[in-house]
Amino acid sequence: MIATAQGLNANAQFRALADQYFEKATFAYNPTFGTSAGLHQYDSKLEDYSHATVDAQIMTLHDFEQKFENLPAFQMDQSTQADRQMLLDDIRSKLLTLQVIKPWEKNPDNYSSGITNSAFVLMERKFAPADDRLRSLIAREKQMPAVFTAAQQNLKNPPHIYTEIALEQLPGIISFFENDVPEAFKDAKDPATKAEFKKTNAAVIAALQSYESWLKQDLLARSNGDFRLGAETFSKKLEYDEMVDTPLPKLLETAYADMHKNQAEFARVAKEVDASKTPQEVLAELATIHPAPDQLLQSFRNTFDELISFINTKHIITIPSDVRPVLEETPPFMRATTQASMDSPGPFETHSKTAYFNVTLPEKDWTPEHIAEHMAAFNVGTVISTSVHEAYPGHYVQFLWANNTPLSKVRKMIYTNTNVEGWAHYCEQMMLDEGFGQPGTGAKDEREAHLIRLGQLQDALLRDARFIVGIKMHTGEMTFDQAVGFFVKEGYQSRSVGTVETKRGTSDPTYLYYTLGKLQIMKLRADMEKKEGSSFSLQRFHDEFMRQGGAPIKIVRQAMLGDNSPTL
């Protein structure tokens, strides 16, 4: 009884400290995250980007690290011990970012895209009347010009590619504040509020234009820094973000093996489509089989009925709600960097529960060649692959589970990409392996079934290429241009996609988490099947996986299998 009382006390101590951590070390420094989580007391606050605040945040994080380390972990239950480890890793990841990686000192886009997101989270959901949200935006906009003063003081020798990317993004960001922001608040009624917004918004646009000039005329010429993390920092980031401590050479070995397996399977299926053509020629044909741009949203909508029906009939996973996401065009400022995305409300949002499935359509002024290249990413295979990944049973179903499962605050606030992106990517292959995309379920005939599988494999090869490029580029084994070539040759992507993907990899170094997470989930499933034998149930496995929230696979594995064996 004494041990139980101690355990309850230790659990309660941890939860109280976790509440303080989120309030004082997370939302206090990142109020935009508070808004997107659905905590609207933060709506009028904006991040302070000054060097002094960076130093204050570092001190706060060290203080909480000490406090969490001092808690009696051995007295907590297993789930709370796992939550404590997740919080410690979250702290160490933030410290690594602020003290070693230093995007605040190296990445000009941090500032311009940062304020854009702070405006967008007040626009995207109608959680309050337009006038109220507009007043919050005005309060934020008043603080935005100071962000660029901080940027000019903080930025020291950024990598050239980072300054180039910031300059590429800025015209879209300026246009966003000129057009999209006023449009989002056209329902606001109070004349005084609208007049004040006109002033604050004009000041933000002027500050952005001035920042753009400064980047072009001053910073670009002295942007000679190195974006590469190096092996040690890369490994630490992977350990803190994903709880993965596998040595990098072993990870590369795993990535190459998966890539070669997918390439061999692509060649085999391509031969079924047309034995007289090379895999690359079949791929070129696949790129032309897509809906018309004005039918794209409807094509995605059409997949939902078939996917939901298949999931329920085949007992793939429990879908906790009949409510579907709303399909819409990607918001303008996100179009340059994403083709499709799921935008779900935060875990504490109570007023606006809509989830948006964003799809990027071609722009009106694009050339026919540009439109064709863009639409190639939405071929007959990748439309299904993307619907599975973003909606059923990928991100959207995981969001529904998180909303309908009693998760701890830690698991509502912290998730790992190997879990969330790993799950969505695993689903792309799993659904086809279970029989979706065959004639009668997503495909009209055998040939289309093969093309759907090729679309899934092309997506898998893209993620394999990210895995390898991320490690090799950040450890100095691959140049930027070699990385672009790798996406084209080994990842079966167009050169323009390869360029965008490589740019992303310069500042998202661990974007190996898609394939890494998928492989970890596949191993966990294989080990569960081995343990449970004929009593194994795929639906029970998937439901149990969902109940763990977005925790690292190592923690999910411990909860489901009770072992600490390697996750790969």
Protein backbone atom coordinates (compact mmCIF):
# COMPACT_ATOMS: atom_id res chain seq x y z
CA MET A 1 0.00 0.00 0.00
CA ILE A 2 2.86 2.38 0.84
CA ALA A 3 4.47 1.77 -2.56
CA THR A 4 1.15 2.48 -4.29
CA ALA A 5 0.74 5.73 -2.36
CA GLN A 6 4.30 6.69 -3.28
CA GLY A 7 3.59 5.83 -6.88
CA LEU A 8 0.43 7.91 -6.97
CA ASN A 9 2.32 10.77 -5.37
CA ALA A 10 5.22 10.50 -7.86
CA ASN A 11 2.76 10.39 -10.79
CA ALA A 12 0.92 13.46 -9.46
CA GLN A 13 4.21 15.32 -8.87
CA PHE A 14 5.20 14.65 -12.45
CA ARG A 15 1.86 15.81 -13.88
CA ALA A 16 1.97 19.05 -11.90
CA LEU A 17 5.53 19.76 -13.08
CA ALA A 18 4.57 18.87 -16.69
CA ASP A 19 1.74 21.45 -16.53
CA GLN A 20 4.26 24.08 -15.38
CA TYR A 21 6.66 23.06 -18.14
CA PHE A 22 4.10 23.54 -20.91
CA GLU A 23 3.02 26.88 -19.49
CA LYS A 24 6.42 28.39 -18.60
CA ALA A 25 8.86 26.73 -20.99
CA THR A 26 6.71 25.99 -24.05
CA PHE A 27 3.77 28.37 -24.59
CA ALA A 28 5.46 31.33 -22.88
CA TYR A 29 8.16 31.20 -25.59
CA ASN A 30 5.94 29.90 -28.40
CA PRO A 31 2.42 31.38 -28.05
CA THR A 32 1.65 30.52 -31.70
CA PHE A 33 1.94 26.86 -30.70
CA GLY A 34 -0.53 27.63 -27.88
CA THR A 35 -3.04 28.99 -30.39
CA SER A 36 -2.66 26.00 -32.72
CA ALA A 37 -3.08 23.65 -29.71
CA GLY A 38 -6.44 25.34 -29.05
CA LEU A 39 -5.39 27.37 -25.99
CA HIS A 40 -6.70 30.81 -26.90
CA GLN A 41 -5.32 32.75 -23.94
CA TYR A 42 -2.16 32.97 -26.11
CA ASP A 43 -3.85 34.44 -29.20
CA SER A 44 -2.69 38.05 -28.73
CA LYS A 45 0.92 37.16 -27.84
CA LEU A 46 3.78 36.76 -30.32
CA GLU A 47 7.17 35.06 -30.03
CA ASP A 48 9.99 37.32 -28.87
CA TYR A 49 12.85 36.53 -31.26
CA SER A 50 15.51 38.58 -29.42
CA HIS A 51 18.85 37.08 -28.38
CA ALA A 52 18.05 37.92 -24.73
CA THR A 53 14.89 35.79 -24.93
CA VAL A 54 16.83 32.91 -26.51
CA ASP A 55 19.19 33.06 -23.50
CA ALA A 56 16.25 33.20 -21.07
CA GLN A 57 14.63 30.18 -22.74
CA ILE A 58 17.88 28.19 -22.46
CA MET A 59 18.01 28.94 -18.72
CA THR A 60 14.34 27.97 -18.26
CA LEU A 61 14.89 24.67 -20.11
CA HIS A 62 17.96 23.78 -18.02
CA ASP A 63 15.96 24.53 -14.87
CA PHE A 64 13.13 22.19 -15.90
CA GLU A 65 15.58 19.51 -17.03
CA GLN A 66 17.02 19.47 -13.50
CA LYS A 67 13.55 19.33 -11.92
CA PHE A 68 12.42 16.39 -14.09
CA GLU A 69 15.69 14.54 -13.45
CA ASN A 70 15.16 14.94 -9.68
CA LEU A 71 11.73 13.28 -9.70
CA PRO A 72 11.67 9.68 -8.36
CA ALA A 73 11.06 7.93 -11.70
CA PHE A 74 11.28 4.44 -10.13
CA GLN A 75 8.11 5.21 -8.11
CA MET A 76 6.05 6.11 -11.21
CA ASP A 77 3.96 3.70 -13.27
CA GLN A 78 5.35 2.61 -16.63
CA SER A 79 3.28 5.04 -18.72
CA THR A 80 4.30 8.04 -16.55
CA GLN A 81 7.96 6.99 -16.67
CA ALA A 82 7.67 6.99 -20.47
CA ASP A 83 6.05 10.45 -20.39
CA ARG A 84 8.90 11.73 -18.20
CA GLN A 85 11.46 10.43 -20.72
CA MET A 86 9.53 12.08 -23.57
CA LEU A 87 9.61 15.42 -21.73
CA LEU A 88 13.32 15.17 -20.95
CA ASP A 89 13.98 14.41 -24.62
CA ASP A 90 11.79 17.36 -25.64
CA ILE A 91 13.86 19.65 -23.41
CA ARG A 92 17.16 18.27 -24.74
CA SER A 93 15.98 18.60 -28.34
CA LYS A 94 15.09 22.26 -27.75
CA LEU A 95 18.46 22.91 -26.07
CA LEU A 96 20.29 21.23 -28.96
CA THR A 97 18.36 23.44 -31.40
CA LEU A 98 18.98 26.69 -29.48
CA GLN A 99 22.60 26.08 -28.43
CA VAL A 100 24.10 23.98 -31.24
CA ILE A 101 21.97 24.09 -34.41
CA LYS A 102 21.01 27.75 -33.84
CA PRO A 103 18.37 28.41 -36.52
CA TRP A 104 17.76 31.79 -34.83
CA GLU A 105 21.32 32.73 -35.86
CA LYS A 106 21.45 30.90 -39.21
CA ASN A 107 18.04 30.78 -40.87
CA PRO A 108 16.44 34.02 -42.16
CA ASP A 109 13.25 32.15 -43.15
CA ASN A 110 12.63 31.40 -39.44
CA TYR A 111 11.56 35.00 -38.96
CA SER A 112 9.43 35.68 -42.06
CA SER A 113 7.72 32.27 -42.12
CA GLY A 114 7.41 32.40 -38.31
CA ILE A 115 5.20 35.51 -38.30
CA THR A 116 3.23 34.14 -41.27
CA ASN A 117 2.30 31.07 -39.26
CA SER A 118 1.37 33.29 -36.27
CA ALA A 119 -1.18 35.06 -38.50
CA PHE A 120 -2.37 31.87 -40.21
CA VAL A 121 -3.32 30.03 -36.99
CA LEU A 122 -5.74 32.89 -36.20
CA MET A 123 -7.23 32.71 -39.72
CA GLU A 124 -7.57 29.01 -40.45
CA ARG A 125 -10.21 28.13 -37.81
CA LYS A 126 -13.29 30.10 -36.87
CA PHE A 127 -12.92 29.30 -33.15
CA ALA A 128 -14.21 32.80 -32.29
CA PRO A 129 -16.10 35.57 -34.18
CA ALA A 130 -14.09 37.32 -36.92
CA ASP A 131 -13.86 40.58 -34.91
CA ASP A 132 -12.39 38.81 -31.87
CA ARG A 133 -9.82 36.92 -33.93
CA LEU A 134 -8.96 40.08 -35.83
CA ARG A 135 -8.30 41.92 -32.54
CA SER A 136 -5.89 39.10 -31.58
CA LEU A 137 -4.19 39.42 -34.97
CA ILE A 138 -3.83 43.19 -34.56
CA ALA A 139 -2.12 42.59 -31.18
CA ARG A 140 0.26 40.15 -32.89
CA GLU A 141 0.86 42.38 -35.91
CA LYS A 142 1.89 45.28 -33.65
CA GLN A 143 4.77 43.08 -32.43
CA MET A 144 5.81 41.81 -35.88
CA PRO A 145 8.09 44.66 -37.09
CA ALA A 146 10.29 44.09 -33.99
CA VAL A 147 10.85 40.51 -35.21
CA PHE A 148 12.88 41.84 -38.15
CA THR A 149 14.93 44.11 -35.91
CA ALA A 150 15.83 40.96 -33.93
CA ALA A 151 16.56 39.12 -37.19
CA GLN A 152 19.08 41.73 -38.31
CA GLN A 153 20.80 41.57 -34.92
CA ASN A 154 20.78 37.75 -34.65
CA LEU A 155 21.62 36.49 -38.14
CA LYS A 156 25.31 35.74 -38.50
CA ASN A 157 26.80 34.08 -41.57
CA PRO A 158 23.80 31.93 -42.58
CA PRO A 159 24.23 29.19 -45.19
CA HIS A 160 23.75 30.71 -48.66
CA ILE A 161 20.95 28.25 -49.43
CA TYR A 162 19.00 29.41 -46.34
CA THR A 163 19.08 33.06 -47.43
CA GLU A 164 18.11 32.02 -50.97
CA ILE A 165 15.14 30.00 -49.66
CA ALA A 166 14.01 32.92 -47.47
CA LEU A 167 14.15 35.21 -50.54
CA GLU A 168 12.20 32.65 -52.60
CA GLN A 169 9.48 32.50 -49.95
CA LEU A 170 9.16 36.25 -49.30
CA PRO A 171 7.11 37.31 -52.37
CA GLY A 172 4.48 34.69 -51.42
CA ILE A 173 4.56 35.83 -47.79
CA ILE A 174 4.15 39.52 -48.73
CA SER A 175 1.27 38.57 -51.04
CA PHE A 176 -0.25 36.55 -48.16
CA PHE A 177 -0.39 39.65 -45.93
CA GLU A 178 -1.57 41.83 -48.82
CA ASN A 179 -4.37 39.53 -50.01
CA ASP A 180 -5.09 36.43 -47.93
CA VAL A 181 -5.07 37.98 -44.47
CA PRO A 182 -7.60 40.77 -45.31
CA GLU A 183 -9.73 38.23 -47.22
CA ALA A 184 -9.81 35.89 -44.18
CA PHE A 185 -11.30 38.66 -42.03
CA LYS A 186 -13.78 40.10 -44.53
CA ASP A 187 -16.63 39.11 -42.17
CA ALA A 188 -15.32 41.42 -39.41
CA LYS A 189 -17.87 44.15 -38.68
CA ASP A 190 -16.42 46.66 -36.20
CA PRO A 191 -15.24 49.75 -38.19
CA ALA A 192 -12.62 50.81 -35.59
CA THR A 193 -11.08 47.31 -35.51
CA LYS A 194 -10.98 47.17 -39.31
CA ALA A 195 -9.33 50.59 -39.51
CA GLU A 196 -6.71 49.61 -36.94
CA PHE A 197 -6.01 46.36 -38.81
CA LYS A 198 -5.41 48.31 -42.02
CA LYS A 199 -2.63 50.23 -40.23
CA THR A 200 -0.97 47.27 -38.48
CA ASN A 201 -1.15 45.11 -41.62
CA ALA A 202 0.44 47.87 -43.73
CA ALA A 203 3.25 48.13 -41.16
CA VAL A 204 3.87 44.35 -41.36
CA ILE A 205 3.97 44.47 -45.19
CA ALA A 206 6.44 47.39 -45.06
CA ALA A 207 8.60 45.50 -42.52
CA LEU A 208 8.61 42.40 -44.77
CA GLN A 209 9.55 44.45 -47.84
CA SER A 210 12.35 46.11 -45.93
CA TYR A 211 13.55 42.70 -44.70
CA GLU A 212 13.51 41.38 -48.28
CA SER A 213 15.68 44.33 -49.41
CA TRP A 214 18.10 43.76 -46.52
CA LEU A 215 18.44 40.06 -47.36
CA LYS A 216 19.10 40.86 -51.03
CA GLN A 217 21.42 43.82 -50.60
CA ASP A 218 23.28 42.91 -47.43
CA LEU A 219 22.88 39.41 -45.98
CA LEU A 220 22.99 37.31 -49.17
CA ALA A 221 26.54 38.37 -50.06
CA ARG A 222 27.80 37.42 -46.58
CA SER A 223 25.84 34.16 -46.31
CA ASN A 224 28.73 31.70 -46.36
CA GLY A 225 27.79 29.42 -43.46
CA ASP A 226 27.42 25.63 -43.45
CA PHE A 227 23.97 24.03 -43.11
CA ARG A 228 25.43 20.59 -42.35
CA LEU A 229 24.87 19.31 -38.79
CA GLY A 230 27.71 16.79 -38.72
CA ALA A 231 27.37 13.19 -37.52
CA GLU A 232 27.40 13.88 -33.77
CA THR A 233 24.66 16.54 -33.79
CA PHE A 234 22.61 14.55 -36.31
CA SER A 235 22.74 11.47 -34.04
CA LYS A 236 21.78 13.51 -30.98
CA LYS A 237 18.84 15.09 -32.79
CA LEU A 238 17.63 11.65 -33.81
CA GLU A 239 17.97 10.37 -30.24
CA TYR A 240 16.12 13.32 -28.66
CA ASP A 241 13.43 13.71 -31.34
CA GLU A 242 12.74 10.04 -32.12
CA MET A 243 14.38 8.00 -29.32
CA VAL A 244 16.49 6.25 -31.99
CA ASP A 245 20.14 5.58 -31.09
CA THR A 246 21.05 3.24 -33.97
CA PRO A 247 24.50 4.22 -35.37
CA LEU A 248 24.32 6.18 -38.65
CA PRO A 249 26.21 3.55 -40.75
CA LYS A 250 23.65 0.92 -39.67
CA LEU A 251 20.79 3.30 -40.53
CA LEU A 252 22.27 3.88 -43.99
CA GLU A 253 22.59 0.12 -44.51
CA THR A 254 18.89 -0.26 -43.60
CA ALA A 255 17.90 2.58 -45.94
CA TYR A 256 19.83 1.22 -48.93
CA ALA A 257 18.37 -2.27 -48.38
CA ASP A 258 14.82 -0.87 -48.35
CA MET A 259 15.48 1.27 -51.43
CA HIS A 260 16.89 -1.65 -53.44
CA LYS A 261 13.92 -3.83 -52.41
CA ASN A 262 11.47 -1.15 -53.59
CA GLN A 263 13.38 -0.62 -56.85
CA ALA A 264 13.29 -4.38 -57.58
CA GLU A 265 9.56 -4.49 -56.84
CA PHE A 266 9.01 -1.43 -59.09
CA ALA A 267 10.83 -3.22 -61.95
CA ARG A 268 8.75 -6.38 -61.41
CA VAL A 269 5.39 -4.53 -61.42
CA ALA A 270 6.43 -2.27 -64.34
CA LYS A 271 7.06 -5.43 -66.39
CA GLU A 272 3.47 -6.54 -65.66
CA VAL A 273 2.24 -3.19 -67.05
CA ASP A 274 4.35 -3.32 -70.22
CA ALA A 275 7.17 -5.83 -70.66
CA SER A 276 8.48 -3.95 -73.72
CA LYS A 277 9.29 -0.81 -71.68
CA THR A 278 11.93 0.00 -69.06
CA PRO A 279 10.72 0.88 -65.53
CA GLN A 280 11.59 4.54 -66.28
CA GLU A 281 9.44 4.51 -69.44
CA VAL A 282 6.51 3.03 -67.48
CA LEU A 283 7.07 5.71 -64.84
CA ALA A 284 6.89 8.40 -67.55
CA GLU A 285 3.58 6.91 -68.73
CA LEU A 286 2.25 6.80 -65.15
CA ALA A 287 3.00 10.54 -64.81
CA THR A 288 0.47 11.28 -67.57
CA ILE A 289 -2.42 9.30 -66.03
CA HIS A 290 -3.99 11.81 -63.67
CA PRO A 291 -7.27 13.71 -63.23
CA ALA A 292 -7.78 17.10 -64.87
CA PRO A 293 -6.73 19.92 -62.49
CA ASP A 294 -10.35 21.03 -61.97
CA GLN A 295 -11.29 17.44 -61.03
CA LEU A 296 -8.46 16.90 -58.56
CA LEU A 297 -10.32 17.74 -55.34
CA GLN A 298 -13.27 15.58 -56.41
CA SER A 299 -10.89 12.68 -57.22
CA PHE A 300 -9.65 12.77 -53.62
CA ARG A 301 -13.21 13.01 -52.31
CA ASN A 302 -14.16 9.96 -54.40
CA THR A 303 -11.50 7.81 -52.70
CA PHE A 304 -12.98 8.31 -49.22
CA ASP A 305 -16.05 6.06 -49.67
CA GLU A 306 -13.98 3.17 -51.04
CA LEU A 307 -11.27 3.51 -48.39
CA ILE A 308 -13.70 3.69 -45.46
CA SER A 309 -15.73 0.76 -46.76
CA PHE A 310 -12.57 -1.34 -47.26
CA ILE A 311 -11.24 -0.50 -43.78
CA ASN A 312 -14.52 -1.50 -42.13
CA THR A 313 -15.09 -4.64 -44.22
CA LYS A 314 -11.54 -5.94 -43.81
CA HIS A 315 -11.30 -4.95 -40.11
CA ILE A 316 -8.16 -2.87 -40.67
CA ILE A 317 -8.66 -0.37 -37.80
CA THR A 318 -11.51 1.16 -35.79
CA ILE A 319 -12.49 4.58 -37.20
CA PRO A 320 -13.70 6.49 -34.11
CA SER A 321 -15.97 8.98 -35.93
CA ASP A 322 -18.03 9.27 -39.12
CA VAL A 323 -17.08 12.96 -39.53
CA ARG A 324 -14.89 13.45 -42.61
CA PRO A 325 -12.19 16.04 -43.24
CA VAL A 326 -13.01 19.01 -45.48
CA LEU A 327 -11.14 18.97 -48.80
CA GLU A 328 -9.90 22.38 -49.90
CA GLU A 329 -7.17 24.08 -51.88
CA THR A 330 -3.88 24.56 -50.00
CA PRO A 331 -3.62 28.08 -48.47
CA PRO A 332 -1.52 30.30 -50.80
CA PHE A 333 1.54 30.75 -48.60
CA MET A 334 1.97 26.96 -48.20
CA ARG A 335 1.71 26.11 -51.91
CA ALA A 336 5.40 26.44 -52.71
CA THR A 337 6.42 23.72 -50.26
CA THR A 338 3.58 21.20 -50.09
CA GLN A 339 1.44 19.22 -52.55
CA ALA A 340 -1.00 17.83 -50.00
CA SER A 341 -1.36 18.03 -46.21
CA MET A 342 -3.76 17.30 -43.36
CA ASP A 343 -4.50 20.23 -41.07
CA SER A 344 -6.24 18.96 -37.94
CA PRO A 345 -7.34 21.11 -34.97
CA GLY A 346 -5.18 21.17 -31.83
CA PRO A 347 -5.80 18.77 -28.94
CA PHE A 348 -7.44 21.44 -26.77
CA GLU A 349 -9.55 23.10 -29.47
CA THR A 350 -13.21 23.12 -28.36
CA HIS A 351 -14.89 25.56 -30.77
CA SER A 352 -13.65 24.65 -34.25
CA LYS A 353 -13.23 20.92 -34.73
CA THR A 354 -12.94 20.85 -38.53
CA ALA A 355 -9.93 19.11 -40.08
CA TYR A 356 -8.81 20.28 -43.52
CA PHE A 357 -7.29 18.08 -46.22
CA ASN A 358 -5.29 20.58 -48.31
CA VAL A 359 -4.43 19.87 -51.95
CA THR A 360 -2.26 22.20 -54.05
CA LEU A 361 -3.78 22.95 -57.46
CA PRO A 362 -1.86 24.44 -60.41
CA GLU A 363 -1.73 28.24 -60.49
CA LYS A 364 -3.63 30.09 -63.24
CA ASP A 365 -0.49 31.64 -64.78
CA TRP A 366 1.54 28.41 -65.09
CA THR A 367 2.77 27.13 -68.44
CA PRO A 368 1.30 23.84 -69.77
CA GLU A 369 4.67 22.15 -69.03
CA HIS A 370 4.61 23.35 -65.41
CA ILE A 371 1.01 22.16 -64.98
CA ALA A 372 1.88 18.73 -66.45
CA GLU A 373 4.84 18.34 -64.10
CA HIS A 374 2.76 19.37 -61.09
CA MET A 375 -0.11 17.01 -61.99
CA ALA A 376 2.31 14.09 -62.46
CA ALA A 377 2.54 14.04 -58.66
CA PHE A 378 -1.21 13.25 -58.60
CA ASN A 379 -1.19 10.20 -60.85
CA VAL A 380 -3.67 7.35 -60.47
CA GLY A 381 -1.39 5.68 -57.90
CA THR A 382 -0.32 8.66 -55.83
CA VAL A 383 -3.89 10.02 -55.47
CA ILE A 384 -4.74 6.83 -53.58
CA SER A 385 -1.40 6.77 -51.77
CA THR A 386 -1.91 10.40 -50.67
CA SER A 387 -5.52 9.81 -49.55
CA VAL A 388 -4.37 6.84 -47.48
CA HIS A 389 -1.44 8.82 -46.00
CA GLU A 390 -3.34 12.02 -45.16
CA ALA A 391 -6.79 10.66 -44.34
CA TYR A 392 -7.83 6.98 -44.21
CA PRO A 393 -6.31 5.33 -42.25
CA GLY A 394 -3.34 7.76 -41.97
CA HIS A 395 -3.11 11.16 -40.27
CA TYR A 396 -6.83 11.88 -40.04
CA VAL A 397 -7.69 8.56 -38.38
CA GLN A 398 -4.78 9.01 -35.94
CA PHE A 399 -6.15 12.50 -35.13
CA LEU A 400 -9.61 10.98 -34.48
CA TRP A 401 -8.06 8.44 -32.14
CA ALA A 402 -6.11 11.15 -30.26
CA ASN A 403 -9.38 13.07 -29.87
CA ASN A 404 -11.29 10.04 -28.60
CA THR A 405 -8.66 8.43 -26.35
CA PRO A 406 -7.82 9.49 -22.77
CA LEU A 407 -4.20 10.51 -23.43
CA SER A 408 -1.95 12.28 -20.93
CA LYS A 409 -1.19 15.96 -21.55
CA VAL A 410 2.36 14.96 -22.53
CA ARG A 411 1.05 12.65 -25.26
CA LYS A 412 -1.41 15.28 -26.45
CA MET A 413 1.37 17.89 -26.76
CA ILE A 414 4.44 15.88 -27.83
CA TYR A 415 4.56 13.44 -30.71
CA THR A 416 7.37 11.96 -32.74
CA ASN A 417 7.55 11.98 -36.51
CA THR A 418 8.65 8.33 -36.67
CA ASN A 419 5.27 7.54 -35.10
CA VAL A 420 2.99 10.00 -36.93
CA GLU A 421 4.67 10.14 -40.37
CA GLY A 422 5.85 6.55 -39.97
CA TRP A 423 2.24 5.44 -39.40
CA ALA A 424 0.91 7.35 -42.43
CA HIS A 425 3.69 6.00 -44.66
CA TYR A 426 3.25 2.44 -43.32
CA CYS A 427 -0.47 2.68 -44.19
CA GLU A 428 0.31 3.39 -47.88
CA GLN A 429 1.90 -0.05 -48.28
CA MET A 430 -0.24 -1.88 -45.71
CA MET A 431 -3.55 -0.99 -47.41
CA LEU A 432 -2.36 -2.33 -50.78
CA ASP A 433 -0.86 -5.41 -49.12
CA GLU A 434 -4.27 -6.07 -47.54
CA GLY A 435 -5.92 -5.93 -50.99
CA PHE A 436 -6.98 -2.34 -51.59
CA GLY A 437 -6.31 -1.03 -55.11
CA GLN A 438 -7.31 -4.30 -56.76
CA PRO A 439 -10.08 -4.49 -59.40
CA GLY A 440 -13.30 -3.64 -57.56
CA THR A 441 -11.60 -1.83 -54.66
CA GLY A 442 -10.04 1.35 -56.01
CA ALA A 443 -8.98 0.01 -59.43
CA LYS A 444 -11.12 -0.59 -62.53
CA ASP A 445 -8.91 -3.37 -63.93
CA GLU A 446 -5.69 -5.32 -63.47
CA ARG A 447 -3.57 -2.75 -65.33
CA GLU A 448 -4.80 0.09 -63.10
CA ALA A 449 -4.08 -2.07 -60.04
CA HIS A 450 -0.44 -2.35 -61.18
CA LEU A 451 -0.25 1.42 -61.78
CA ILE A 452 -1.61 2.06 -58.26
CA ARG A 453 1.14 -0.16 -56.82
CA LEU A 454 3.75 1.72 -58.88
CA GLY A 455 2.46 5.01 -57.44
CA GLN A 456 2.87 3.65 -53.91
CA LEU A 457 6.38 2.40 -54.71
CA GLN A 458 7.38 5.75 -56.22
CA ASP A 459 6.28 7.44 -52.97
CA ALA A 460 8.25 4.84 -50.99
CA LEU A 461 11.37 5.50 -53.11
CA LEU A 462 11.00 9.25 -52.51
CA ARG A 463 11.08 8.55 -48.74
CA ASP A 464 14.03 6.14 -49.14
CA ALA A 465 15.94 8.88 -50.96
CA ARG A 466 15.16 11.37 -48.14
CA PHE A 467 16.53 8.84 -45.63
CA ILE A 468 19.87 8.52 -47.45
CA VAL A 469 20.21 12.16 -48.54
CA GLY A 470 19.46 13.47 -45.03
CA ILE A 471 22.29 11.49 -43.46
CA LYS A 472 24.82 11.81 -46.29
CA MET A 473 24.30 15.51 -46.93
CA HIS A 474 24.56 16.43 -43.23
CA THR A 475 27.65 14.28 -42.65
CA GLY A 476 29.47 15.76 -45.67
CA GLU A 477 29.31 12.63 -47.84
CA MET A 478 27.04 14.20 -50.46
CA THR A 479 26.88 17.68 -51.98
CA PHE A 480 23.64 19.55 -52.69
CA ASP A 481 23.87 18.78 -56.43
CA GLN A 482 24.65 15.11 -55.81
CA ALA A 483 21.57 14.96 -53.55
CA VAL A 484 19.34 16.37 -56.32
CA GLY A 485 20.76 13.76 -58.71
CA PHE A 486 20.14 11.01 -56.16
CA PHE A 487 16.43 11.88 -55.91
CA VAL A 488 16.20 11.70 -59.71
CA LYS A 489 18.23 8.52 -60.33
CA GLU A 490 17.47 6.42 -57.24
CA GLY A 491 14.24 8.00 -55.95
CA TYR A 492 12.51 8.07 -59.37
CA GLN A 493 11.57 11.79 -59.05
CA SER A 494 11.64 14.66 -61.53
CA ARG A 495 14.55 17.12 -61.27
CA SER A 496 12.28 19.89 -59.95
CA VAL A 497 10.95 17.60 -57.19
CA GLY A 498 14.54 16.54 -56.44
CA THR A 499 15.56 20.19 -56.03
CA VAL A 500 12.65 21.03 -53.70
CA GLU A 501 13.32 17.86 -51.66
CA THR A 502 17.03 18.66 -51.33
CA LYS A 503 16.27 22.23 -50.24
CA ARG A 504 13.96 20.83 -47.59
CA GLY A 505 16.68 18.48 -46.41
CA THR A 506 19.09 21.34 -45.70
CA SER A 507 16.88 22.51 -42.81
CA ASP A 508 14.87 19.32 -42.06
CA PRO A 509 17.86 16.99 -41.71
CA THR A 510 16.08 14.05 -40.07
CA TYR A 511 13.36 13.70 -42.71
CA LEU A 512 14.32 10.05 -42.79
CA TYR A 513 11.54 9.62 -40.17
CA TYR A 514 8.97 8.49 -42.78
CA THR A 515 10.76 5.29 -43.77
CA LEU A 516 12.47 4.86 -40.40
CA GLY A 517 9.08 4.94 -38.63
CA LYS A 518 7.44 2.67 -41.20
CA LEU A 519 10.18 0.05 -40.79
CA GLN A 520 9.95 0.25 -36.98
CA ILE A 521 6.16 -0.29 -37.14
CA MET A 522 6.59 -3.20 -39.55
CA LYS A 523 9.09 -4.85 -37.19
CA LEU A 524 6.80 -4.31 -34.19
CA ARG A 525 3.93 -5.88 -36.14
CA ALA A 526 6.05 -8.87 -37.21
CA ASP A 527 7.18 -9.39 -33.60
CA MET A 528 3.56 -9.18 -32.35
CA GLU A 529 2.47 -11.72 -34.98
CA LYS A 530 5.28 -14.04 -33.90
CA LYS A 531 4.29 -13.70 -30.23
CA GLU A 532 0.51 -14.05 -30.72
CA GLY A 533 0.52 -16.60 -33.54
CA SER A 534 -2.93 -17.51 -34.85
CA SER A 535 -4.65 -15.20 -32.33
CA PHE A 536 -3.01 -12.09 -33.91
CA SER A 537 -5.56 -9.54 -35.11
CA LEU A 538 -4.52 -6.71 -37.44
CA GLN A 539 -7.34 -4.46 -36.22
CA ARG A 540 -6.42 -5.06 -32.57
CA PHE A 541 -2.75 -4.33 -33.35
CA HIS A 542 -3.60 -1.05 -35.11
CA ASP A 543 -6.09 0.02 -32.40
CA GLU A 544 -3.55 -0.68 -29.68
CA PHE A 545 -0.89 1.28 -31.59
CA MET A 546 -3.29 4.26 -31.78
CA ARG A 547 -3.92 4.13 -28.00
CA GLN A 548 -0.28 5.08 -27.34
CA GLY A 549 -0.65 8.52 -28.95
CA GLY A 550 2.33 9.80 -30.93
CA ALA A 551 4.98 8.38 -28.59
CA PRO A 552 8.34 7.15 -29.95
CA ILE A 553 8.12 3.59 -31.30
CA LYS A 554 10.49 2.47 -28.53
CA ILE A 555 7.83 3.46 -25.96
CA VAL A 556 4.97 2.01 -28.03
CA ARG A 557 6.94 -1.24 -28.28
CA GLN A 558 7.50 -1.34 -24.51
CA ALA A 559 3.76 -0.81 -23.89
CA MET A 560 2.58 -3.37 -26.46
CA LEU A 561 5.27 -6.07 -26.27
CA GLY A 562 6.81 -5.37 -22.89
CA ASP A 563 10.35 -5.60 -24.24
CA ASN A 564 13.29 -3.30 -24.88
CA SER A 565 14.66 -5.09 -27.93
CA PRO A 566 15.86 -2.96 -30.89
CA THR A 567 13.10 -1.21 -32.83
CA LEU A 568 14.74 -1.94 -36.21
